[in-house]
Amino acid sequence: MASKVKVTIELPSTLTKKEAIEILKREALKKKFKKTELFEKYSKNKDIAYKIADYVEKYLKRYYKGLKFEILLDYDLDEDVNEICVLADESVDEDTLLNAVRKVRKSAIKRFGNLIDYNVIIADYR
């Protein structure tokens, strides 16, 4: 569970409080998920992949509370897309996993529109 921390920062006059908060949130997302070397090296739109991965994680935790999973960010060189991999424990039923990923994919398409075209949500086992 995330804890809240109060931080005091002096900002340059060119940077607003809202911009600083967005930068901190973006940096926190970068550290939140596991990433492959391919993703680090070749992905062109990492910020969008982080946002989609965060959305996928929140969705699965909300609607599939018993599902044990982690998210891995990968890159497919052949298709030129980011892969948001939902890696589930071996104990998770395959139908449950595929159904969860299918539903989160539909929801992500509604939320992110065309941005999802370069980011694929897939399921696999650890």
C-alpha atoms as a PDB file:
ATOM      1  CA  MET A   1       0.000   0.000   0.000  1.00  0.00           C
ATOM      2  CA  ALA A   2       1.316   3.420  -0.914  1.00  0.00           C
ATOM      3  CA  SER A   3       2.002   5.837   1.875  1.00  0.00           C
ATOM      4  CA  LYS A   4       1.591   9.574   1.635  1.00  0.00           C
ATOM      5  CA  VAL A   5       4.624  11.717   2.319  1.00  0.00           C
ATOM      6  CA  LYS A   6       4.671  15.468   2.744  1.00  0.00           C
ATOM      7  CA  VAL A   7       7.534  17.125   0.869  1.00  0.00           C
ATOM      8  CA  THR A   8       8.528  20.775   0.674  1.00  0.00           C
ATOM      9  CA  ILE A   9      10.289  21.819  -2.524  1.00  0.00           C
ATOM     10  CA  GLU A  10      11.447  25.204  -3.764  1.00  0.00           C
ATOM     11  CA  LEU A  11      10.492  25.516  -7.415  1.00  0.00           C
ATOM     12  CA  PRO A  12      11.974  27.793 -10.038  1.00  0.00           C
ATOM     13  CA  SER A  13       9.604  30.575 -11.054  1.00  0.00           C
ATOM     14  CA  THR A  14       9.219  28.999 -14.502  1.00  0.00           C
ATOM     15  CA  LEU A  15       7.775  25.774 -13.065  1.00  0.00           C
ATOM     16  CA  THR A  16       4.295  25.691 -11.556  1.00  0.00           C
ATOM     17  CA  LYS A  17       3.206  23.470  -8.695  1.00  0.00           C
ATOM     18  CA  LYS A  18       0.922  21.501 -11.020  1.00  0.00           C
ATOM     19  CA  GLU A  19       3.777  20.866 -13.496  1.00  0.00           C
ATOM     20  CA  ALA A  20       6.063  19.707 -10.673  1.00  0.00           C
ATOM     21  CA  ILE A  21       3.426  17.258  -9.422  1.00  0.00           C
ATOM     22  CA  GLU A  22       2.989  15.843 -12.940  1.00  0.00           C
ATOM     23  CA  ILE A  23       6.758  15.358 -13.265  1.00  0.00           C
ATOM     24  CA  LEU A  24       6.899  13.542  -9.916  1.00  0.00           C
ATOM     25  CA  LYS A  25       3.957  11.298 -10.860  1.00  0.00           C
ATOM     26  CA  ARG A  26       5.621  10.445 -14.180  1.00  0.00           C
ATOM     27  CA  GLU A  27       8.888   9.545 -12.438  1.00  0.00           C
ATOM     28  CA  ALA A  28       7.037   7.393  -9.890  1.00  0.00           C
ATOM     29  CA  LEU A  29       5.372   5.434 -12.721  1.00  0.00           C
ATOM     30  CA  LYS A  30       8.774   4.763 -14.295  1.00  0.00           C
ATOM     31  CA  LYS A  31       9.911   3.011 -11.119  1.00  0.00           C
ATOM     32  CA  LYS A  32       6.643   1.170 -10.487  1.00  0.00           C
ATOM     33  CA  PHE A  33       6.799  -1.477 -13.232  1.00  0.00           C
ATOM     34  CA  LYS A  34       9.367  -4.026 -14.367  1.00  0.00           C
ATOM     35  CA  LYS A  35      10.780  -3.308 -17.811  1.00  0.00           C
ATOM     36  CA  THR A  36      12.757  -5.329 -20.330  1.00  0.00           C
ATOM     37  CA  GLU A  37      15.887  -4.050 -22.046  1.00  0.00           C
ATOM     38  CA  LEU A  38      13.987  -3.931 -25.352  1.00  0.00           C
ATOM     39  CA  PHE A  39      11.419  -1.594 -23.828  1.00  0.00           C
ATOM     40  CA  GLU A  40      14.101   0.647 -22.346  1.00  0.00           C
ATOM     41  CA  LYS A  41      16.065   0.808 -25.581  1.00  0.00           C
ATOM     42  CA  TYR A  42      13.469   0.898 -28.374  1.00  0.00           C
ATOM     43  CA  SER A  43      10.145   2.187 -27.045  1.00  0.00           C
ATOM     44  CA  LYS A  44       9.276   5.579 -28.498  1.00  0.00           C
ATOM     45  CA  ASN A  45       6.223   6.373 -26.376  1.00  0.00           C
ATOM     46  CA  LYS A  46       7.112   5.226 -22.875  1.00  0.00           C
ATOM     47  CA  ASP A  47       4.965   7.776 -21.037  1.00  0.00           C
ATOM     48  CA  ILE A  48       1.804   6.449 -22.672  1.00  0.00           C
ATOM     49  CA  ALA A  49       2.816   2.856 -21.921  1.00  0.00           C
ATOM     50  CA  TYR A  50       3.324   3.775 -18.247  1.00  0.00           C
ATOM     51  CA  LYS A  51      -0.120   5.404 -18.086  1.00  0.00           C
ATOM     52  CA  ILE A  52      -1.808   2.419 -19.722  1.00  0.00           C
ATOM     53  CA  ALA A  53       0.047  -0.022 -17.447  1.00  0.00           C
ATOM     54  CA  ASP A  54      -1.030   1.986 -14.406  1.00  0.00           C
ATOM     55  CA  TYR A  55      -4.631   1.933 -15.649  1.00  0.00           C
ATOM     56  CA  VAL A  56      -4.457  -1.842 -16.240  1.00  0.00           C
ATOM     57  CA  GLU A  57      -3.093  -2.415 -12.738  1.00  0.00           C
ATOM     58  CA  LYS A  58      -5.786  -0.278 -11.087  1.00  0.00           C
ATOM     59  CA  TYR A  59      -8.540  -1.920 -13.149  1.00  0.00           C
ATOM     60  CA  LEU A  60      -7.430  -5.460 -12.310  1.00  0.00           C
ATOM     61  CA  LYS A  61      -7.005  -4.663  -8.609  1.00  0.00           C
ATOM     62  CA  ARG A  62     -10.482  -3.151  -8.515  1.00  0.00           C
ATOM     63  CA  TYR A  63     -12.450  -5.764 -10.456  1.00  0.00           C
ATOM     64  CA  TYR A  64     -10.320  -8.896  -9.917  1.00  0.00           C
ATOM     65  CA  LYS A  65      -9.262  -8.664  -6.281  1.00  0.00           C
ATOM     66  CA  GLY A  66      -8.204 -12.314  -6.015  1.00  0.00           C
ATOM     67  CA  LEU A  67      -5.994 -12.186  -9.112  1.00  0.00           C
ATOM     68  CA  LYS A  68      -2.289 -12.337  -8.263  1.00  0.00           C
ATOM     69  CA  PHE A  69      -0.279 -10.659 -11.003  1.00  0.00           C
ATOM     70  CA  GLU A  70       2.489  -8.250 -11.862  1.00  0.00           C
ATOM     71  CA  ILE A  71       2.955  -6.065 -14.914  1.00  0.00           C
ATOM     72  CA  LEU A  72       5.968  -6.218 -17.213  1.00  0.00           C
ATOM     73  CA  LEU A  73       6.606  -3.641 -19.921  1.00  0.00           C
ATOM     74  CA  ASP A  74       8.150  -5.119 -23.055  1.00  0.00           C
ATOM     75  CA  TYR A  75       8.663  -4.058 -26.666  1.00  0.00           C
ATOM     76  CA  ASP A  76       7.940  -6.084 -29.806  1.00  0.00           C
ATOM     77  CA  LEU A  77      10.451  -5.194 -32.521  1.00  0.00           C
ATOM     78  CA  ASP A  78       8.529  -7.023 -35.255  1.00  0.00           C
ATOM     79  CA  GLU A  79       5.221  -5.250 -34.630  1.00  0.00           C
ATOM     80  CA  ASP A  80       6.782  -1.983 -33.363  1.00  0.00           C
ATOM     81  CA  VAL A  81       4.461  -1.850 -30.322  1.00  0.00           C
ATOM     82  CA  ASN A  82       4.773  -1.758 -26.555  1.00  0.00           C
ATOM     83  CA  GLU A  83       3.515  -4.844 -24.751  1.00  0.00           C
ATOM     84  CA  ILE A  84       1.888  -4.431 -21.369  1.00  0.00           C
ATOM     85  CA  CYS A  85       2.187  -7.998 -20.074  1.00  0.00           C
ATOM     86  CA  VAL A  86      -0.075  -9.112 -17.240  1.00  0.00           C
ATOM     87  CA  LEU A  87       1.960 -11.899 -15.639  1.00  0.00           C
ATOM     88  CA  ALA A  88      -0.216 -14.052 -13.398  1.00  0.00           C
ATOM     89  CA  ASP A  89       0.660 -16.765 -10.898  1.00  0.00           C
ATOM     90  CA  GLU A  90       0.416 -20.354 -12.102  1.00  0.00           C
ATOM     91  CA  SER A  91      -2.531 -20.856  -9.732  1.00  0.00           C
ATOM     92  CA  VAL A  92      -4.732 -18.492 -11.775  1.00  0.00           C
ATOM     93  CA  ASP A  93      -7.181 -20.230 -14.098  1.00  0.00           C
ATOM     94  CA  GLU A  94      -6.441 -19.522 -17.779  1.00  0.00           C
ATOM     95  CA  ASP A  95     -10.056 -18.604 -18.572  1.00  0.00           C
ATOM     96  CA  THR A  96     -10.146 -16.134 -15.686  1.00  0.00           C
ATOM     97  CA  LEU A  97      -6.892 -14.522 -16.803  1.00  0.00           C
ATOM     98  CA  LEU A  98      -7.926 -14.231 -20.450  1.00  0.00           C
ATOM     99  CA  ASN A  99     -11.351 -12.871 -19.503  1.00  0.00           C
ATOM    100  CA  ALA A 100      -9.780 -10.254 -17.214  1.00  0.00           C
ATOM    101  CA  VAL A 101      -7.333  -9.133 -19.904  1.00  0.00           C
ATOM    102  CA  ARG A 102     -10.078  -9.022 -22.536  1.00  0.00           C
ATOM    103  CA  LYS A 103     -12.215  -6.772 -20.314  1.00  0.00           C
ATOM    104  CA  VAL A 104      -9.365  -4.462 -19.332  1.00  0.00           C
ATOM    105  CA  ARG A 105      -8.364  -4.182 -23.000  1.00  0.00           C
ATOM    106  CA  LYS A 106     -11.902  -3.056 -23.944  1.00  0.00           C
ATOM    107  CA  SER A 107     -11.926  -0.545 -21.115  1.00  0.00           C
ATOM    108  CA  ALA A 108      -8.473   0.778 -22.071  1.00  0.00           C
ATOM    109  CA  ILE A 109      -9.579   1.251 -25.684  1.00  0.00           C
ATOM    110  CA  LYS A 110     -12.507   3.374 -24.481  1.00  0.00           C
ATOM    111  CA  ARG A 111     -10.251   5.400 -22.208  1.00  0.00           C
ATOM    112  CA  PHE A 112      -7.161   5.887 -24.397  1.00  0.00           C
ATOM    113  CA  GLY A 113      -8.621   5.674 -27.915  1.00  0.00           C
ATOM    114  CA  ASN A 114      -5.997   5.654 -30.686  1.00  0.00           C
ATOM    115  CA  LEU A 115      -3.102   5.550 -28.210  1.00  0.00           C
ATOM    116  CA  ILE A 116      -3.860   1.899 -27.530  1.00  0.00           C
ATOM    117  CA  ASP A 117      -2.908   1.082 -31.152  1.00  0.00           C
ATOM    118  CA  TYR A 118       0.793   1.203 -30.237  1.00  0.00           C
ATOM    119  CA  ASN A 119       0.362  -0.539 -26.886  1.00  0.00           C
ATOM    120  CA  VAL A 120      -0.820  -4.142 -26.672  1.00  0.00           C
ATOM    121  CA  ILE A 121      -2.152  -5.703 -23.465  1.00  0.00           C
ATOM    122  CA  ILE A 122      -1.331  -9.402 -23.248  1.00  0.00           C
ATOM    123  CA  ALA A 123      -1.585 -12.173 -20.649  1.00  0.00           C
ATOM    124  CA  ASP A 124       1.014 -14.725 -19.630  1.00  0.00           C
ATOM    125  CA  TYR A 125       2.195 -16.708 -16.635  1.00  0.00           C
ATOM    126  CA  ARG A 126       5.274 -15.945 -14.520  1.00  0.00           C
END
